[in-house]
C-alpha atoms as a PDB file:
ATOM      1  CA  MET A   1     -15.631  53.803 -33.639  1.00  0.00           C
ATOM      2  CA  THR A   2     -17.080  50.295 -33.583  1.00  0.00           C
ATOM      3  CA  VAL A   3     -15.026  47.050 -33.175  1.00  0.00           C
ATOM      4  CA  THR A   4     -16.640  43.831 -34.079  1.00  0.00           C
ATOM      5  CA  MET A   5     -15.101  40.474 -33.168  1.00  0.00           C
ATOM      6  CA  THR A   6     -15.581  37.555 -35.425  1.00  0.00           C
ATOM      7  CA  ALA A   7     -14.759  33.934 -34.956  1.00  0.00           C
ATOM      8  CA  PRO A   8     -11.564  32.809 -36.733  1.00  0.00           C
ATOM      9  CA  ARG A   9     -12.290  31.165 -40.057  1.00  0.00           C
ATOM     10  CA  THR A  10     -11.200  27.585 -40.331  1.00  0.00           C
ATOM     11  CA  ARG A  11     -10.619  25.903 -43.560  1.00  0.00           C
ATOM     12  CA  VAL A  12     -13.354  23.264 -44.393  1.00  0.00           C
ATOM     13  CA  ASP A  13     -13.114  20.866 -47.294  1.00  0.00           C
ATOM     14  CA  PRO A  14     -16.470  20.572 -49.083  1.00  0.00           C
ATOM     15  CA  GLY A  15     -18.070  17.153 -48.505  1.00  0.00           C
ATOM     16  CA  VAL A  16     -16.069  16.416 -45.430  1.00  0.00           C
ATOM     17  CA  VAL A  17     -18.155  16.438 -42.144  1.00  0.00           C
ATOM     18  CA  PRO A  18     -15.967  17.257 -39.109  1.00  0.00           C
ATOM     19  CA  SER A  19     -16.493  14.843 -36.162  1.00  0.00           C
ATOM     20  CA  PRO A  20     -17.634  16.168 -32.937  1.00  0.00           C
ATOM     21  CA  PRO A  21     -15.225  16.010 -30.041  1.00  0.00           C
ATOM     22  CA  ASP A  22     -15.521  13.083 -27.723  1.00  0.00           C
ATOM     23  CA  PRO A  23     -17.741  14.126 -24.803  1.00  0.00           C
ATOM     24  CA  GLU A  24     -16.636  11.354 -22.526  1.00  0.00           C
ATOM     25  CA  VAL A  25     -14.446  12.443 -19.648  1.00  0.00           C
ATOM     26  CA  PRO A  26     -12.312   9.838 -17.688  1.00  0.00           C
ATOM     27  CA  GLU A  27     -13.755   9.060 -14.302  1.00  0.00           C
ATOM     28  CA  LYS A  28     -10.444   9.631 -12.687  1.00  0.00           C
ATOM     29  CA  ALA A  29      -7.245  10.849 -14.109  1.00  0.00           C
ATOM     30  CA  LYS A  30      -4.331   8.381 -13.712  1.00  0.00           C
ATOM     31  CA  ARG A  31      -1.383   9.683 -11.700  1.00  0.00           C
ATOM     32  CA  ARG A  32       2.138   9.547 -13.202  1.00  0.00           C
ATOM     33  CA  ARG A  33       4.536   7.296 -11.297  1.00  0.00           C
ATOM     34  CA  PHE A  34       8.193   7.798 -11.249  1.00  0.00           C
ATOM     35  CA  GLY A  35      10.650   5.013 -10.729  1.00  0.00           C
ATOM     36  CA  ALA A  36      14.132   5.541  -9.005  1.00  0.00           C
ATOM     37  CA  GLU A  37      15.895   5.970 -12.407  1.00  0.00           C
ATOM     38  CA  ASP A  38      13.319   8.591 -13.473  1.00  0.00           C
ATOM     39  CA  LYS A  39      13.620  10.515 -10.150  1.00  0.00           C
ATOM     40  CA  LEU A  40      17.452  10.575 -10.367  1.00  0.00           C
ATOM     41  CA  ALA A  41      17.420  11.702 -13.987  1.00  0.00           C
ATOM     42  CA  ILE A  42      14.994  14.514 -13.185  1.00  0.00           C
ATOM     43  CA  LEU A  43      17.131  15.577 -10.158  1.00  0.00           C
ATOM     44  CA  GLY A  44      20.212  15.420 -12.204  1.00  0.00           C
ATOM     45  CA  GLU A  45      18.740  17.797 -14.807  1.00  0.00           C
ATOM     46  CA  ALA A  46      17.382  20.117 -12.106  1.00  0.00           C
ATOM     47  CA  ASP A  47      20.799  20.330 -10.658  1.00  0.00           C
ATOM     48  CA  ARG A  48      22.319  21.304 -13.861  1.00  0.00           C
ATOM     49  CA  CYS A  49      19.832  24.255 -14.299  1.00  0.00           C
ATOM     50  CA  THR A  50      21.684  27.507 -13.791  1.00  0.00           C
ATOM     51  CA  GLU A  51      19.462  30.063 -15.617  1.00  0.00           C
ATOM     52  CA  PRO A  52      16.224  31.410 -14.259  1.00  0.00           C
ATOM     53  CA  GLY A  53      13.240  29.595 -15.715  1.00  0.00           C
ATOM     54  CA  GLN A  54      15.096  26.452 -16.678  1.00  0.00           C
ATOM     55  CA  ILE A  55      13.669  24.353 -13.617  1.00  0.00           C
ATOM     56  CA  GLY A  56      10.178  25.593 -14.537  1.00  0.00           C
ATOM     57  CA  ALA A  57      10.691  24.445 -18.235  1.00  0.00           C
ATOM     58  CA  LEU A  58      12.106  21.123 -16.980  1.00  0.00           C
ATOM     59  CA  LEU A  59       8.904  20.663 -14.837  1.00  0.00           C
ATOM     60  CA  ARG A  60       6.660  21.596 -17.645  1.00  0.00           C
ATOM     61  CA  ARG A  61       8.564  19.264 -20.008  1.00  0.00           C
ATOM     62  CA  GLU A  62       8.217  16.391 -17.503  1.00  0.00           C
ATOM     63  CA  ARG A  63       4.467  17.293 -17.099  1.00  0.00           C
ATOM     64  CA  LEU A  64       4.876  18.122 -13.396  1.00  0.00           C
ATOM     65  CA  SER A  65       2.726  20.735 -11.890  1.00  0.00           C
ATOM     66  CA  SER A  66       4.995  23.540 -10.528  1.00  0.00           C
ATOM     67  CA  SER A  67       3.266  23.679  -7.114  1.00  0.00           C
ATOM     68  CA  SER A  68       3.535  19.924  -6.190  1.00  0.00           C
ATOM     69  CA  SER A  69       6.839  19.242  -8.126  1.00  0.00           C
ATOM     70  CA  SER A  70       8.910  21.676  -6.288  1.00  0.00           C
ATOM     71  CA  SER A  71       8.143  19.856  -3.142  1.00  0.00           C
ATOM     72  CA  SER A  72       8.611  16.526  -4.956  1.00  0.00           C
ATOM     73  CA  LEU A  73      12.196  17.771  -5.957  1.00  0.00           C
ATOM     74  CA  VAL A  74      12.927  18.677  -2.320  1.00  0.00           C
ATOM     75  CA  ASP A  75      11.698  15.148  -1.108  1.00  0.00           C
ATOM     76  CA  TRP A  76      13.554  13.402  -3.826  1.00  0.00           C
ATOM     77  CA  ARG A  77      16.811  15.376  -2.948  1.00  0.00           C
ATOM     78  CA  ARG A  78      16.528  14.275   0.677  1.00  0.00           C
ATOM     79  CA  GLN A  79      15.870  10.693  -0.441  1.00  0.00           C
ATOM     80  CA  ARG A  80      18.901  10.721  -2.751  1.00  0.00           C
ATOM     81  CA  GLU A  81      21.256  10.866   0.201  1.00  0.00           C
ATOM     82  CA  PRO A  82      23.698   7.835   0.332  1.00  0.00           C
ATOM     83  CA  GLY A  83      21.738   4.708   1.090  1.00  0.00           C
ATOM     84  CA  ALA A  84      18.403   6.158   0.357  1.00  0.00           C
ATOM     85  CA  LEU A  85      18.145   4.822  -3.250  1.00  0.00           C
ATOM     86  CA  ALA A  86      15.907   2.075  -1.893  1.00  0.00           C
ATOM     87  CA  ALA A  87      13.361   4.759  -0.590  1.00  0.00           C
ATOM     88  CA  LEU A  88      13.323   6.156  -4.140  1.00  0.00           C
ATOM     89  CA  ALA A  89      12.300   2.788  -5.453  1.00  0.00           C
ATOM     90  CA  GLY A  90       9.869   2.102  -2.618  1.00  0.00           C
ATOM     91  CA  THR A  91       6.398   0.967  -3.751  1.00  0.00           C
ATOM     92  CA  ARG A  92       3.006   2.201  -2.470  1.00  0.00           C
ATOM     93  CA  GLY A  93       0.249   0.250  -1.195  1.00  0.00           C
ATOM     94  CA  PRO A  94       0.085  -2.891   0.937  1.00  0.00           C
ATOM     95  CA  LYS A  95       2.990  -5.221   1.474  1.00  0.00           C
ATOM     96  CA  PRO A  96       2.854  -8.573  -0.131  1.00  0.00           C
ATOM     97  CA  ALA A  97       1.610 -11.346   2.234  1.00  0.00           C
ATOM     98  CA  ASP A  98       4.040 -13.675   3.880  1.00  0.00           C
ATOM     99  CA  PRO A  99       3.644 -17.054   2.228  1.00  0.00           C
ATOM    100  CA  ALA A 100       4.078 -18.891   5.490  1.00  0.00           C
ATOM    101  CA  ARG A 101       1.362 -16.815   7.102  1.00  0.00           C
ATOM    102  CA  VAL A 102      -0.985 -17.390   4.114  1.00  0.00           C
ATOM    103  CA  GLU A 103      -0.421 -21.109   4.366  1.00  0.00           C
ATOM    104  CA  ALA A 104      -1.018 -21.040   8.127  1.00  0.00           C
ATOM    105  CA  GLU A 105      -4.348 -19.106   7.681  1.00  0.00           C
ATOM    106  CA  ARG A 106      -5.313 -21.635   5.026  1.00  0.00           C
ATOM    107  CA  LEU A 107      -4.529 -24.613   7.311  1.00  0.00           C
ATOM    108  CA  TRP A 108      -6.511 -22.916  10.219  1.00  0.00           C
ATOM    109  CA  ARG A 109      -9.577 -22.400   7.977  1.00  0.00           C
ATOM    110  CA  GLU A 110      -9.369 -26.070   6.867  1.00  0.00           C
ATOM    111  CA  HIS A 111      -8.936 -27.232  10.524  1.00  0.00           C
ATOM    112  CA  GLN A 112     -12.156 -25.143  11.567  1.00  0.00           C
ATOM    113  CA  ARG A 113     -14.084 -26.670   8.725  1.00  0.00           C
ATOM    114  CA  LEU A 114     -13.016 -30.266   9.422  1.00  0.00           C
ATOM    115  CA  GLY A 115     -13.793 -29.718  13.149  1.00  0.00           C
ATOM    116  CA  GLY A 116     -17.398 -28.718  12.241  1.00  0.00           C
ATOM    117  CA  ARG A 117     -17.725 -31.780  10.007  1.00  0.00           C
ATOM    118  CA  LEU A 118     -16.549 -34.007  12.777  1.00  0.00           C
ATOM    119  CA  ALA A 119     -18.941 -32.519  15.318  1.00  0.00           C
ATOM    120  CA  GLN A 120     -21.707 -33.059  12.803  1.00  0.00           C
ATOM    121  CA  ALA A 121     -20.794 -36.683  12.139  1.00  0.00           C
ATOM    122  CA  GLU A 122     -20.544 -37.257  15.828  1.00  0.00           C
ATOM    123  CA  ARG A 123     -24.202 -35.870  16.300  1.00  0.00           C
ATOM    124  CA  ILE A 124     -25.413 -38.030  13.447  1.00  0.00           C
ATOM    125  CA  ILE A 125     -23.834 -41.227  15.024  1.00  0.00           C
ATOM    126  CA  GLN A 126     -25.390 -40.325  18.450  1.00  0.00           C
ATOM    127  CA  ILE A 127     -28.807 -39.845  16.793  1.00  0.00           C
ATOM    128  CA  GLN A 128     -28.473 -43.194  14.987  1.00  0.00           C
ATOM    129  CA  GLY A 129     -27.527 -44.874  18.331  1.00  0.00           C
ATOM    130  CA  ASN A 130     -30.640 -43.296  19.982  1.00  0.00           C
ATOM    131  CA  VAL A 131     -32.876 -44.438  17.107  1.00  0.00           C
ATOM    132  CA  SER A 132     -31.530 -47.906  17.172  1.00  0.00           C
ATOM    133  CA  GLU A 133     -32.084 -48.038  21.059  1.00  0.00           C
ATOM    134  CA  LEU A 134     -35.666 -46.851  20.685  1.00  0.00           C
ATOM    135  CA  LEU A 135     -36.394 -49.523  17.965  1.00  0.00           C
ATOM    136  CA  GLY A 136     -34.623 -52.076  19.996  1.00  0.00           C
ATOM    137  CA  ILE A 137     -31.979 -52.939  17.467  1.00  0.00           C
ATOM    138  CA  PRO A 138     -28.842 -53.785  19.270  1.00  0.00           C
ATOM    139  CA  LEU A 139     -25.689 -52.340  17.954  1.00  0.00           C
ATOM    140  CA  ASP A 140     -22.490 -54.456  18.306  1.00  0.00           C
ATOM    141  CA  PRO A 141     -19.463 -52.213  17.779  1.00  0.00           C
ATOM    142  CA  ALA A 142     -17.234 -55.232  17.082  1.00  0.00           C
ATOM    143  CA  SER A 143     -19.336 -56.216  14.222  1.00  0.00           C
ATOM    144  CA  ASP A 144     -18.928 -52.587  12.652  1.00  0.00           C
ATOM    145  CA  HIS A 145     -15.171 -53.001  12.742  1.00  0.00           C
ATOM    146  CA  GLU A 146     -15.258 -56.458  11.164  1.00  0.00           C
ATOM    147  CA  GLN A 147     -17.492 -55.357   8.357  1.00  0.00           C
ATOM    148  CA  ARG A 148     -15.325 -52.443   7.513  1.00  0.00           C
ATOM    149  CA  ALA A 149     -12.113 -54.525   7.377  1.00  0.00           C
ATOM    150  CA  THR A 150     -13.751 -57.082   4.881  1.00  0.00           C
END
């Protein structure tokens, strides 16, 4: 006896060219994030599950993989304890910068920049004094102040 396997036949309309599937694969899949309300809703549904397989169906419906989500449910249940709602809503990543600290750092950088400019100006003035001394041109500091005032 010989058994032959054939590919399933698909209905193709004449004159219509099927488009090939998109070969591009996303570089990295985006992880789903759950807010505090989402976590509480999923936990509430999980707590109401009484029949075998209901939690698995819930996890599939919520698109949670069964291996990681069971530990997520355990973690979320621990965090659900009184006063832990803030932990459920906690954000990941770096904490926002303190505005006072940001301003202090900006002022420090400006102070450093202005200090460098002052040192450069003092060197230029010293060189100008040396040049005028070498050329025999007397500098009268009092006349400089009078010229600036008028």
